[in-house]
Protein backbone atom coordinates (compact mmCIF):
# COMPACT_ATOMS: atom_id res chain seq x y z
CA UNK A 1 81.28 -39.49 -116.73
CA UNK A 2 80.83 -36.53 -114.36
CA UNK A 3 81.29 -37.19 -110.67
CA UNK A 4 78.68 -36.15 -108.13
CA UNK A 5 79.40 -32.99 -106.19
CA UNK A 6 79.65 -33.28 -102.43
CA UNK A 7 77.12 -31.18 -100.52
CA UNK A 8 77.28 -29.37 -97.22
CA UNK A 9 75.39 -32.29 -95.69
CA UNK A 10 78.11 -34.67 -96.88
CA UNK A 11 80.79 -32.47 -95.32
CA UNK A 12 78.97 -32.23 -91.99
CA UNK A 13 78.90 -36.04 -91.86
CA UNK A 14 82.68 -35.99 -92.27
CA UNK A 15 83.00 -33.72 -89.23
CA UNK A 16 82.96 -30.24 -90.77
CA UNK A 17 81.35 -27.60 -88.51
CA UNK A 18 78.69 -25.22 -89.80
CA UNK A 19 80.13 -22.08 -91.32
CA UNK A 20 82.86 -20.82 -93.59
CA UNK A 21 84.93 -24.04 -93.65
CA UNK A 22 82.22 -25.85 -95.62
CA UNK A 23 82.07 -23.12 -98.27
CA UNK A 24 85.86 -23.06 -98.58
CA UNK A 25 85.94 -26.86 -98.92
CA UNK A 26 83.34 -26.90 -101.70
CA UNK A 27 85.25 -24.13 -103.49
CA UNK A 28 88.53 -26.07 -103.17
CA UNK A 29 86.96 -29.22 -104.62
CA UNK A 30 85.47 -27.27 -107.54
CA UNK A 31 88.80 -25.60 -108.35
CA UNK A 32 91.28 -28.40 -107.68
CA UNK A 33 89.53 -31.78 -107.58
CA UNK A 34 87.22 -31.87 -110.59
CA UNK A 35 87.00 -35.35 -112.05
CA UNK A 36 88.14 -37.04 -108.84
CA UNK A 37 85.97 -39.78 -107.40
CA UNK A 38 83.68 -39.31 -104.41
CA UNK A 39 85.81 -41.70 -102.37
CA UNK A 40 88.98 -39.75 -103.20
CA UNK A 41 87.35 -36.45 -102.23
CA UNK A 42 85.96 -37.81 -98.96
CA UNK A 43 89.30 -39.32 -97.99
CA UNK A 44 91.05 -36.02 -98.63
CA UNK A 45 88.43 -34.00 -96.75
CA UNK A 46 88.63 -36.35 -93.76
CA UNK A 47 92.40 -35.82 -93.54
CA UNK A 48 91.97 -32.04 -93.61
CA UNK A 49 89.20 -31.86 -91.02
CA UNK A 50 91.08 -34.16 -88.62
CA UNK A 51 94.46 -32.34 -88.91
CA UNK A 52 93.90 -28.84 -90.34
CA UNK A 53 97.25 -27.60 -89.02
CA UNK A 54 99.07 -29.83 -91.50
CA UNK A 55 97.37 -28.13 -94.47
CA UNK A 56 97.74 -24.42 -93.69
CA UNK A 57 100.28 -23.91 -96.50
CA UNK A 58 98.59 -26.27 -98.98
CA UNK A 59 97.56 -24.48 -102.17
CA UNK A 60 94.08 -26.07 -102.31
CA UNK A 61 93.33 -26.74 -98.66
CA UNK A 62 95.03 -23.78 -96.96
CA UNK A 63 91.88 -21.60 -96.75
CA UNK A 64 89.84 -24.62 -95.56
CA UNK A 65 92.37 -25.42 -92.84
CA UNK A 66 92.44 -21.80 -91.67
CA UNK A 67 88.63 -21.66 -91.50
CA UNK A 68 88.58 -24.87 -89.45
CA UNK A 69 91.16 -23.55 -86.99
CA UNK A 70 89.37 -20.24 -86.62
CA UNK A 71 86.09 -22.01 -85.93
CA UNK A 72 87.51 -24.22 -83.21
CA UNK A 73 89.95 -21.83 -81.51
CA UNK A 74 88.57 -18.30 -81.86
CA UNK A 75 84.88 -18.32 -81.15
CA UNK A 76 84.67 -16.24 -77.96
CA UNK A 77 84.15 -12.49 -77.93
CA UNK A 78 87.00 -10.73 -76.15
CA UNK A 79 86.19 -7.99 -73.68
CA UNK A 80 87.74 -4.52 -73.92
CA UNK A 81 89.47 -2.89 -70.97
CA UNK A 82 87.10 -1.05 -68.66
CA UNK A 83 89.35 2.03 -68.69
CA UNK A 84 91.29 3.25 -71.67
CA UNK A 85 95.05 3.73 -71.57
CA UNK A 86 96.01 7.45 -71.47
CA UNK A 87 97.26 8.95 -74.75
CA UNK A 88 98.33 12.30 -76.17
CA UNK A 89 96.22 14.36 -78.57
CA UNK A 90 97.90 17.06 -80.64
CA UNK A 91 95.59 19.88 -81.74
CA UNK A 92 92.46 18.50 -80.04
CA UNK A 93 90.47 21.65 -80.81
CA UNK A 94 90.69 20.91 -84.54
CA UNK A 95 89.83 17.20 -84.42
CA UNK A 96 86.28 15.92 -84.98
CA UNK A 97 84.66 13.97 -82.16
CA UNK A 98 84.25 10.87 -84.31
CA UNK A 99 88.04 10.47 -84.59
CA UNK A 100 88.49 10.92 -80.84
CA UNK A 101 85.76 8.35 -80.16
CA UNK A 102 87.56 5.83 -82.37
CA UNK A 103 90.84 6.46 -80.57
CA UNK A 104 89.15 6.02 -77.19
CA UNK A 105 87.99 2.56 -78.25
CA UNK A 106 91.43 1.65 -79.64
CA UNK A 107 93.02 2.53 -76.31
CA UNK A 108 90.85 -0.11 -74.60
CA UNK A 109 92.08 -3.05 -76.66
CA UNK A 110 93.73 -5.77 -74.55
CA UNK A 111 96.85 -5.62 -76.77
CA UNK A 112 97.25 -1.81 -76.69
CA UNK A 113 100.37 -0.37 -75.05
CA UNK A 114 100.49 3.29 -76.18
CA UNK A 115 98.67 5.68 -78.48
CA UNK A 116 98.64 9.20 -79.90
CA UNK A 117 96.41 11.28 -82.17
CA UNK A 118 97.97 13.64 -84.71
CA UNK A 119 96.62 17.15 -85.48
CA UNK A 120 95.41 16.14 -88.97
CA UNK A 121 93.22 13.36 -87.54
CA UNK A 122 89.74 12.59 -88.83
CA UNK A 123 87.37 9.65 -88.66
CA UNK A 124 88.19 6.48 -90.60
CA UNK A 125 87.49 2.77 -90.20
CA UNK A 126 88.72 1.19 -86.99
CA UNK A 127 91.68 3.39 -86.15
CA UNK A 128 91.11 7.02 -87.16
CA UNK A 129 93.22 8.62 -89.90
CA UNK A 130 96.03 10.29 -87.97
CA UNK A 131 95.93 7.63 -85.27
CA UNK A 132 99.11 6.04 -83.90
CA UNK A 133 98.70 2.83 -81.93
CA UNK A 134 101.40 0.68 -80.34
CA UNK A 135 100.46 -2.91 -79.48
CA UNK A 136 102.17 -5.90 -77.94
CA UNK A 137 102.96 -8.68 -80.44
CA UNK A 138 99.81 -7.99 -82.48
CA UNK A 139 99.16 -6.36 -85.83
CA UNK A 140 95.80 -4.80 -86.74
CA UNK A 141 95.14 -4.81 -90.51
CA UNK A 142 92.69 -1.92 -90.25
CA UNK A 143 95.18 -0.15 -87.97
CA UNK A 144 97.48 -0.17 -90.98
CA UNK A 145 94.74 0.71 -93.46
CA UNK A 146 93.61 -0.34 -96.91
CA UNK A 147 96.27 1.52 -98.89
CA UNK A 148 99.23 -0.27 -97.31
CA UNK A 149 102.51 1.63 -97.42
CA UNK A 150 101.03 4.79 -98.95
CA UNK A 151 103.86 7.27 -99.20
CA UNK A 152 105.28 10.62 -100.17
CA UNK A 153 108.27 10.87 -102.51
CA UNK A 154 110.14 14.00 -103.62
CA UNK A 155 112.98 14.50 -106.10
CA UNK A 156 114.81 17.83 -106.46
CA UNK A 157 116.61 19.12 -109.55
CA UNK A 158 119.26 21.70 -110.39
CA UNK A 159 117.05 23.39 -112.99
CA UNK A 160 116.41 27.18 -113.16
CA UNK A 161 113.11 28.03 -111.48
CA UNK A 162 112.06 30.09 -114.47
CA UNK A 163 111.59 26.78 -116.27
CA UNK A 164 108.43 26.13 -114.23
CA UNK A 165 106.80 29.42 -115.24
CA UNK A 166 107.99 29.45 -118.84
CA UNK A 167 107.19 25.81 -119.67
CA UNK A 168 103.86 25.10 -118.01
CA UNK A 169 102.42 23.39 -121.09
CA UNK A 170 105.50 21.22 -121.43
CA UNK A 171 105.26 20.18 -117.76
CA UNK A 172 101.59 19.34 -118.23
CA UNK A 173 102.51 17.16 -121.19
CA UNK A 174 105.17 15.40 -119.12
CA UNK A 175 102.64 14.55 -116.43
CA UNK A 176 100.08 13.38 -118.97
CA UNK A 177 102.56 11.14 -120.75
CA UNK A 178 104.40 9.73 -117.73
CA UNK A 179 101.76 9.24 -115.04
CA UNK A 180 98.64 7.08 -114.80
CA UNK A 181 95.87 7.23 -112.20
CA UNK A 182 93.01 5.08 -110.99
CA UNK A 183 92.07 2.37 -113.47
CA UNK A 184 94.50 3.65 -116.13
CA UNK A 185 97.77 1.71 -116.48
CA UNK A 186 100.76 1.78 -118.80
CA UNK A 187 100.53 -0.35 -121.95
CA UNK A 188 104.09 -1.51 -121.33
CA UNK A 189 104.75 -1.53 -117.58
CA UNK A 190 108.38 -1.40 -116.53
CA UNK A 191 109.76 -4.44 -114.80
CA UNK A 192 111.00 -4.22 -111.21
CA UNK A 193 112.79 -6.62 -108.89
CA UNK A 194 109.98 -6.39 -106.33
CA UNK A 195 107.83 -8.44 -108.72
CA UNK A 196 110.36 -11.29 -108.52
CA UNK A 197 109.91 -11.76 -104.76
CA UNK A 198 109.36 -15.38 -103.74
CA UNK A 199 106.39 -14.40 -101.55
CA UNK A 200 104.27 -14.10 -104.69
CA UNK A 201 104.58 -17.89 -105.01
CA UNK A 202 104.50 -18.75 -101.30
CA UNK A 203 101.39 -17.03 -99.93
CA UNK A 204 98.04 -17.99 -101.45
CA UNK A 205 96.50 -14.51 -101.55
CA UNK A 206 99.62 -13.09 -103.24
CA UNK A 207 99.59 -15.70 -106.01
CA UNK A 208 96.34 -14.26 -107.31
CA UNK A 209 97.58 -10.66 -107.10
CA UNK A 210 100.88 -10.81 -108.99
CA UNK A 211 99.33 -10.10 -112.41
CA UNK A 212 97.51 -7.06 -111.01
CA UNK A 213 100.71 -5.84 -109.36
CA UNK A 214 102.58 -6.16 -112.65
CA UNK A 215 99.91 -4.28 -114.62
CA UNK A 216 99.65 -1.43 -112.12
CA UNK A 217 103.30 -0.86 -111.27
CA UNK A 218 104.43 2.71 -111.82
CA UNK A 219 100.87 4.08 -111.62
CA UNK A 220 99.01 6.02 -108.93
CA UNK A 221 95.70 5.48 -107.19
CA UNK A 222 92.62 7.69 -107.21
CA UNK A 223 91.29 9.90 -104.42
CA UNK A 224 93.88 12.20 -102.88
CA UNK A 225 96.85 10.73 -104.74
CA UNK A 226 98.83 13.09 -106.96
CA UNK A 227 102.01 13.80 -108.90
CA UNK A 228 103.04 17.43 -109.18
CA UNK A 229 105.80 19.78 -110.25
CA UNK A 230 106.63 22.58 -107.88
CA UNK A 231 109.31 24.65 -106.19
CA UNK A 232 111.12 23.43 -103.09
CA UNK A 233 112.86 25.97 -100.86
CA UNK A 234 115.44 24.51 -98.49
CA UNK A 235 115.69 26.68 -95.36
CA UNK A 236 118.24 24.58 -93.51
CA UNK A 237 120.96 22.51 -95.18
CA UNK A 238 119.99 18.83 -95.50
CA UNK A 239 123.26 17.21 -94.55
CA UNK A 240 122.14 13.74 -95.61
CA UNK A 241 122.34 14.88 -99.25
CA UNK A 242 124.77 17.79 -98.87
CA UNK A 243 121.88 19.86 -100.20
CA UNK A 244 122.48 23.58 -99.58
CA UNK A 245 119.95 26.27 -98.76
CA UNK A 246 118.18 27.44 -101.92
CA UNK A 247 115.30 26.82 -104.32
CA UNK A 248 114.88 23.77 -106.54
CA UNK A 249 112.49 22.54 -109.19
CA UNK A 250 110.94 19.41 -107.67
CA UNK A 251 108.57 16.54 -108.29
CA UNK A 252 106.32 15.40 -105.43
CA UNK A 253 104.18 12.25 -105.55
CA UNK A 254 101.65 10.67 -103.20
CA UNK A 255 100.33 7.16 -103.76
CA UNK A 256 100.32 3.67 -102.30
CA UNK A 257 100.29 -0.04 -103.08
CA UNK A 258 97.33 -0.02 -105.49
CA UNK A 259 95.25 -3.21 -105.89
CA UNK A 260 97.95 -5.32 -104.26
CA UNK A 261 97.69 -3.53 -100.92
CA UNK A 262 93.92 -3.16 -101.02
CA UNK A 263 93.35 -6.88 -101.54
CA UNK A 264 95.88 -7.84 -98.88
CA UNK A 265 94.09 -5.51 -96.47
CA UNK A 266 90.64 -6.91 -97.24
CA UNK A 267 91.77 -10.54 -96.99
CA UNK A 268 93.59 -10.23 -93.68
CA UNK A 269 91.06 -7.87 -92.11
CA UNK A 270 88.37 -10.50 -92.68
CA UNK A 271 90.71 -13.15 -91.28
CA UNK A 272 91.48 -11.02 -88.22
CA UNK A 273 87.78 -10.39 -87.60
CA UNK A 274 87.15 -14.14 -87.78
CA UNK A 275 90.05 -14.98 -85.48
CA UNK A 276 89.66 -12.17 -82.93
CA UNK A 277 86.06 -11.59 -81.96
CA UNK A 278 85.55 -8.12 -80.50
CA UNK A 279 82.48 -6.13 -79.42
CA UNK A 280 80.69 -4.38 -82.30
CA UNK A 281 82.16 -0.95 -81.67
CA UNK A 282 85.70 -2.39 -81.89
CA UNK A 283 85.26 -5.08 -84.55
CA UNK A 284 87.38 -3.26 -87.17
CA UNK A 285 90.29 -3.25 -84.72
CA UNK A 286 90.60 -7.05 -84.77
CA UNK A 287 94.22 -8.14 -84.68
CA UNK A 288 96.43 -11.00 -85.75
CA UNK A 289 98.84 -12.40 -83.16
CA UNK A 290 102.36 -12.31 -84.59
CA UNK A 291 103.01 -15.75 -83.11
CA UNK A 292 100.43 -17.23 -85.47
CA UNK A 293 100.94 -18.23 -89.07
CA UNK A 294 98.23 -15.78 -90.17
CA UNK A 295 100.00 -12.95 -88.33
CA UNK A 296 103.35 -13.79 -89.91
CA UNK A 297 101.75 -14.05 -93.35
CA UNK A 298 100.16 -10.63 -93.03
CA UNK A 299 103.41 -9.10 -91.79
CA UNK A 300 105.29 -10.43 -94.81
CA UNK A 301 102.52 -9.40 -97.23
CA UNK A 302 102.31 -5.92 -95.67
CA UNK A 303 106.05 -5.38 -96.07
CA UNK A 304 105.90 -6.59 -99.67
CA UNK A 305 103.08 -4.10 -100.37
CA UNK A 306 105.18 -1.33 -98.82
CA UNK A 307 108.14 -2.18 -101.03
CA UNK A 308 105.82 -2.31 -104.04
CA UNK A 309 104.47 1.17 -103.25
CA UNK A 310 108.04 2.48 -103.08
CA UNK A 311 108.82 0.84 -106.44
CA UNK A 312 105.80 2.58 -108.00
CA UNK A 313 107.07 5.97 -106.81
CA UNK A 314 110.59 5.32 -108.01
CA UNK A 315 109.28 4.47 -111.47
CA UNK A 316 107.16 7.63 -111.53
CA UNK A 317 110.21 9.73 -110.66
CA UNK A 318 112.46 7.83 -113.09
CA UNK A 319 110.02 8.52 -115.94
CA UNK A 320 109.84 12.23 -115.11
CA UNK A 321 113.61 12.52 -114.66
CA UNK A 322 114.01 11.08 -118.17
CA UNK A 323 111.42 13.54 -119.51
CA UNK A 324 113.28 16.43 -117.88
CA UNK A 325 116.59 15.11 -119.16
CA UNK A 326 118.15 15.50 -115.70
CA UNK A 327 119.16 13.37 -112.74
CA UNK A 328 117.79 14.44 -109.33
CA UNK A 329 120.08 15.93 -106.70
CA UNK A 330 118.21 14.09 -103.94
CA UNK A 331 115.23 11.83 -103.26
CA UNK A 332 113.30 11.97 -99.98
CA UNK A 333 110.45 9.61 -99.14
CA UNK A 334 108.45 8.43 -96.16
CA UNK A 335 105.38 6.27 -95.73
CA UNK A 336 102.29 5.90 -93.59
CA UNK A 337 99.52 3.25 -93.41
CA UNK A 338 102.02 0.75 -92.07
CA UNK A 339 103.18 -1.08 -88.95
CA UNK A 340 106.75 -1.04 -87.65
CA UNK A 341 108.61 -3.10 -85.04
CA UNK A 342 110.12 -0.55 -82.66
CA UNK A 343 111.26 -0.31 -79.02
CA UNK A 344 109.62 1.62 -76.20
CA UNK A 345 111.50 3.58 -73.54
CA UNK A 346 112.05 0.39 -71.53
CA UNK A 347 113.53 -1.45 -74.49
CA UNK A 348 110.50 -3.67 -75.08
CA UNK A 349 109.43 -4.44 -78.66
CA UNK A 350 106.18 -2.80 -79.72
CA UNK A 351 104.23 -2.88 -82.98
CA UNK A 352 103.58 0.74 -84.01
CA UNK A 353 100.65 1.31 -86.37
CA UNK A 354 100.70 4.67 -88.14
CA UNK A 355 97.44 5.05 -90.04
CA UNK A 356 97.84 8.36 -91.81
CA UNK A 357 100.79 9.38 -89.62
CA UNK A 358 104.43 10.06 -90.54
CA UNK A 359 107.40 8.41 -88.79
CA UNK A 360 109.23 11.15 -86.87
CA UNK A 361 111.97 9.39 -84.93
CA UNK A 362 115.01 11.49 -84.04
CA UNK A 363 116.68 12.63 -87.26
CA UNK A 364 114.19 10.88 -89.56
CA UNK A 365 113.40 12.87 -92.72
CA UNK A 366 109.87 13.13 -94.03
CA UNK A 367 107.45 15.11 -96.17
CA UNK A 368 104.12 16.49 -94.91
CA UNK A 369 101.98 17.83 -97.79
CA UNK A 370 99.31 20.51 -97.56
CA UNK A 371 96.79 20.73 -100.41
CA UNK A 372 97.14 21.50 -104.11
CA UNK A 373 97.17 25.23 -103.29
CA UNK A 374 99.07 25.23 -100.00
CA UNK A 375 102.65 24.29 -99.18
CA UNK A 376 104.08 20.98 -98.14
CA UNK A 377 106.97 20.68 -95.68
CA UNK A 378 110.24 18.77 -95.56
CA UNK A 379 110.68 17.82 -91.91
CA UNK A 380 113.10 16.08 -89.57
CA UNK A 381 111.74 14.14 -86.59
CA UNK A 382 112.58 15.01 -83.00
CA UNK A 383 111.88 11.55 -81.61
CA UNK A 384 109.12 12.61 -79.21
CA UNK A 385 108.13 9.62 -77.06
CA UNK A 386 104.67 11.01 -76.29
CA UNK A 387 103.77 10.94 -80.00
CA UNK A 388 105.39 7.50 -80.37
CA UNK A 389 107.94 9.11 -82.71
CA UNK A 390 105.22 10.28 -85.09
CA UNK A 391 103.81 13.39 -86.78
CA UNK A 392 100.89 14.21 -89.07
CA UNK A 393 100.87 12.88 -92.63
CA UNK A 394 99.19 15.94 -94.11
CA UNK A 395 96.64 18.64 -93.41
CA UNK A 396 93.68 16.32 -92.75
CA UNK A 397 90.14 16.66 -94.02
CA UNK A 398 87.42 18.94 -92.69
CA UNK A 399 84.84 17.89 -95.30
CA UNK A 400 83.93 14.34 -96.23
CA UNK A 401 83.84 13.47 -99.92
CA UNK A 402 80.04 13.46 -99.90
CA UNK A 403 79.82 16.79 -98.05
CA UNK A 404 82.34 18.36 -100.43
CA UNK A 405 80.29 17.40 -103.48
CA UNK A 406 77.12 18.70 -101.83
CA UNK A 407 78.45 22.06 -100.67
CA UNK A 408 81.29 23.21 -102.92
CA UNK A 409 80.86 25.12 -106.16
CA UNK A 410 82.96 24.09 -109.17
CA UNK A 411 83.19 27.73 -110.22
CA UNK A 412 84.50 28.88 -106.83
CA UNK A 413 86.98 26.02 -106.61
CA UNK A 414 88.40 26.79 -110.06
CA UNK A 415 88.66 30.48 -109.10
CA UNK A 416 90.53 29.54 -105.90
CA UNK A 417 92.99 27.29 -107.78
CA UNK A 418 93.65 29.93 -110.45
CA UNK A 419 94.26 32.60 -107.82
CA UNK A 420 96.86 30.35 -106.20
CA UNK A 421 98.72 30.13 -109.50
CA UNK A 422 98.30 26.38 -109.77
CA UNK A 423 97.62 24.48 -112.99
CA UNK A 424 95.46 21.43 -112.32
CA UNK A 425 94.92 18.27 -114.36
CA UNK A 426 92.07 16.07 -113.16
CA UNK A 427 90.71 15.91 -109.58
CA UNK A 428 87.16 16.49 -108.40
CA UNK A 429 85.24 18.54 -105.85
CA UNK A 430 85.94 15.87 -103.23
CA UNK A 431 89.64 16.79 -103.42
CA UNK A 432 89.25 20.57 -103.68
CA UNK A 433 91.66 22.59 -101.50
CA UNK A 434 88.74 23.67 -99.30
CA UNK A 435 88.17 20.13 -97.99
CA UNK A 436 91.44 20.27 -96.05
CA UNK A 437 92.47 21.88 -92.76
CA UNK A 438 94.80 24.87 -92.75
CA UNK A 439 98.22 23.22 -93.06
CA UNK A 440 99.93 26.12 -91.22
CA UNK A 441 97.67 25.57 -88.20
CA UNK A 442 98.33 21.82 -88.31
CA UNK A 443 102.09 22.39 -88.44
CA UNK A 444 101.91 24.85 -85.54
CA UNK A 445 100.40 22.11 -83.36
CA UNK A 446 103.30 19.72 -83.83
CA UNK A 447 106.39 21.84 -83.27
CA UNK A 448 107.35 19.43 -80.45
CA UNK A 449 107.42 16.59 -82.97
CA UNK A 450 109.35 17.86 -85.99
CA UNK A 451 111.69 20.57 -87.27
CA UNK A 452 110.92 22.13 -90.65
CA UNK A 453 113.84 22.07 -93.11
CA UNK A 454 112.06 23.32 -96.22
CA UNK A 455 108.80 23.95 -98.06
CA UNK A 456 107.27 22.83 -101.34
CA UNK A 457 104.94 25.03 -103.40
CA UNK A 458 102.80 23.08 -105.95
CA UNK A 459 102.67 24.58 -109.45
CA UNK A 460 101.45 21.91 -111.90
CA UNK A 461 99.32 19.20 -110.31
CA UNK A 462 97.89 15.99 -111.71
CA UNK A 463 95.30 13.84 -109.92
CA UNK A 464 92.81 11.17 -110.94
CA UNK A 465 89.82 12.23 -112.98
CA UNK A 466 89.00 14.21 -116.10
CA UNK A 467 92.13 14.75 -118.15
CA UNK A 468 91.18 18.12 -119.58
CA UNK A 469 93.55 20.68 -118.14
CA UNK A 470 92.22 22.55 -115.14
CA UNK A 471 88.82 20.86 -114.98
CA UNK A 472 87.19 20.11 -111.66
CA UNK A 473 84.31 17.62 -111.87
């Protein structure tokens, strides 16, 4: 005999407040307590509503407990500072006003300590792309971004450069066979130790994402993500790898944490916005206190997503190394869309969010890409305190995706790509080279932040989209 379902009215009589907690409780009963008696359900619900803190890690009642705590403890809207904290802008003349407005708001948060805006900056959600924000004991999910741990990864090979020009079709085939983009995944994904992490069984949101992470590992996202063959020229010996000056066939990839990172970002952004009420203009900058369980959960999940993104890149490069029949001389990688625990000049711990910004601490290696027809750069950080040890993560957009599709001509874009000597697989008008700032101008505005050790010239590029060679949709 089927048991009667408890209603919102029943839950309110047990002491549940109006709002999300009731919906979470009904969902928990439907998923975990079917067939249980009304008395059993009521007894369980009464325990949870009276002591939610005891059930935060419970598989069924964790979301209910969190909703109850948020409702009772975080219901007031916090005021922003009247005056923003001063911050440095690099290349202000090339940055749209919308990005600067977002940074101005971020610098008024009560938890903000320092900030900086990189020369590739453009408007995003919450913190602008190219924004660097240091906070005190607080992490902002939208300050990290949706594609958690998105990164650049380069491998270099001791292969004659003529191979690139003489074997273009073969290189295209290698990219087609060994890379996947967007919704496409490998039929037989490769295993990786990151998928064995205990966090997948310890944090509720991660339990539901492990299958997706397994299916997507080794693949790349859509949008501006790419894998490409090209030629790296080292101008200054990279001592870390004993890599001498010269030219090398290279593979460069750009991608992030796929569905794993996106779902972590959505879940904890919503949680942060529930827990930290901010005025409307700042609502996407809601933070999680690192002294709370929610803050610690996000921090662990964010780091897992970053490690997963790295694993995806390593598998991409392993597949292509096998296709080339060579082992790389060196691998360089760096990431953005992340938060780091660092120290300020006074030795105090700060949480540094780099949303579309590259770590550039003293001696730190990184890669700053241009577009599919302009060079990328291998760089070494100078450790500039004013930039919070950061640099740009790329050229930065000058056209939104919508504007690009409205204003660019497929014919002209294809002509531009051909003239640059680049072979393109996939992509669309929203990722045409013309949507990006001039990378040389961007690099010129951050000479105080990084030294350039080498350049990368793209030759065969694959991005998400139509798989016919050289098509631009």
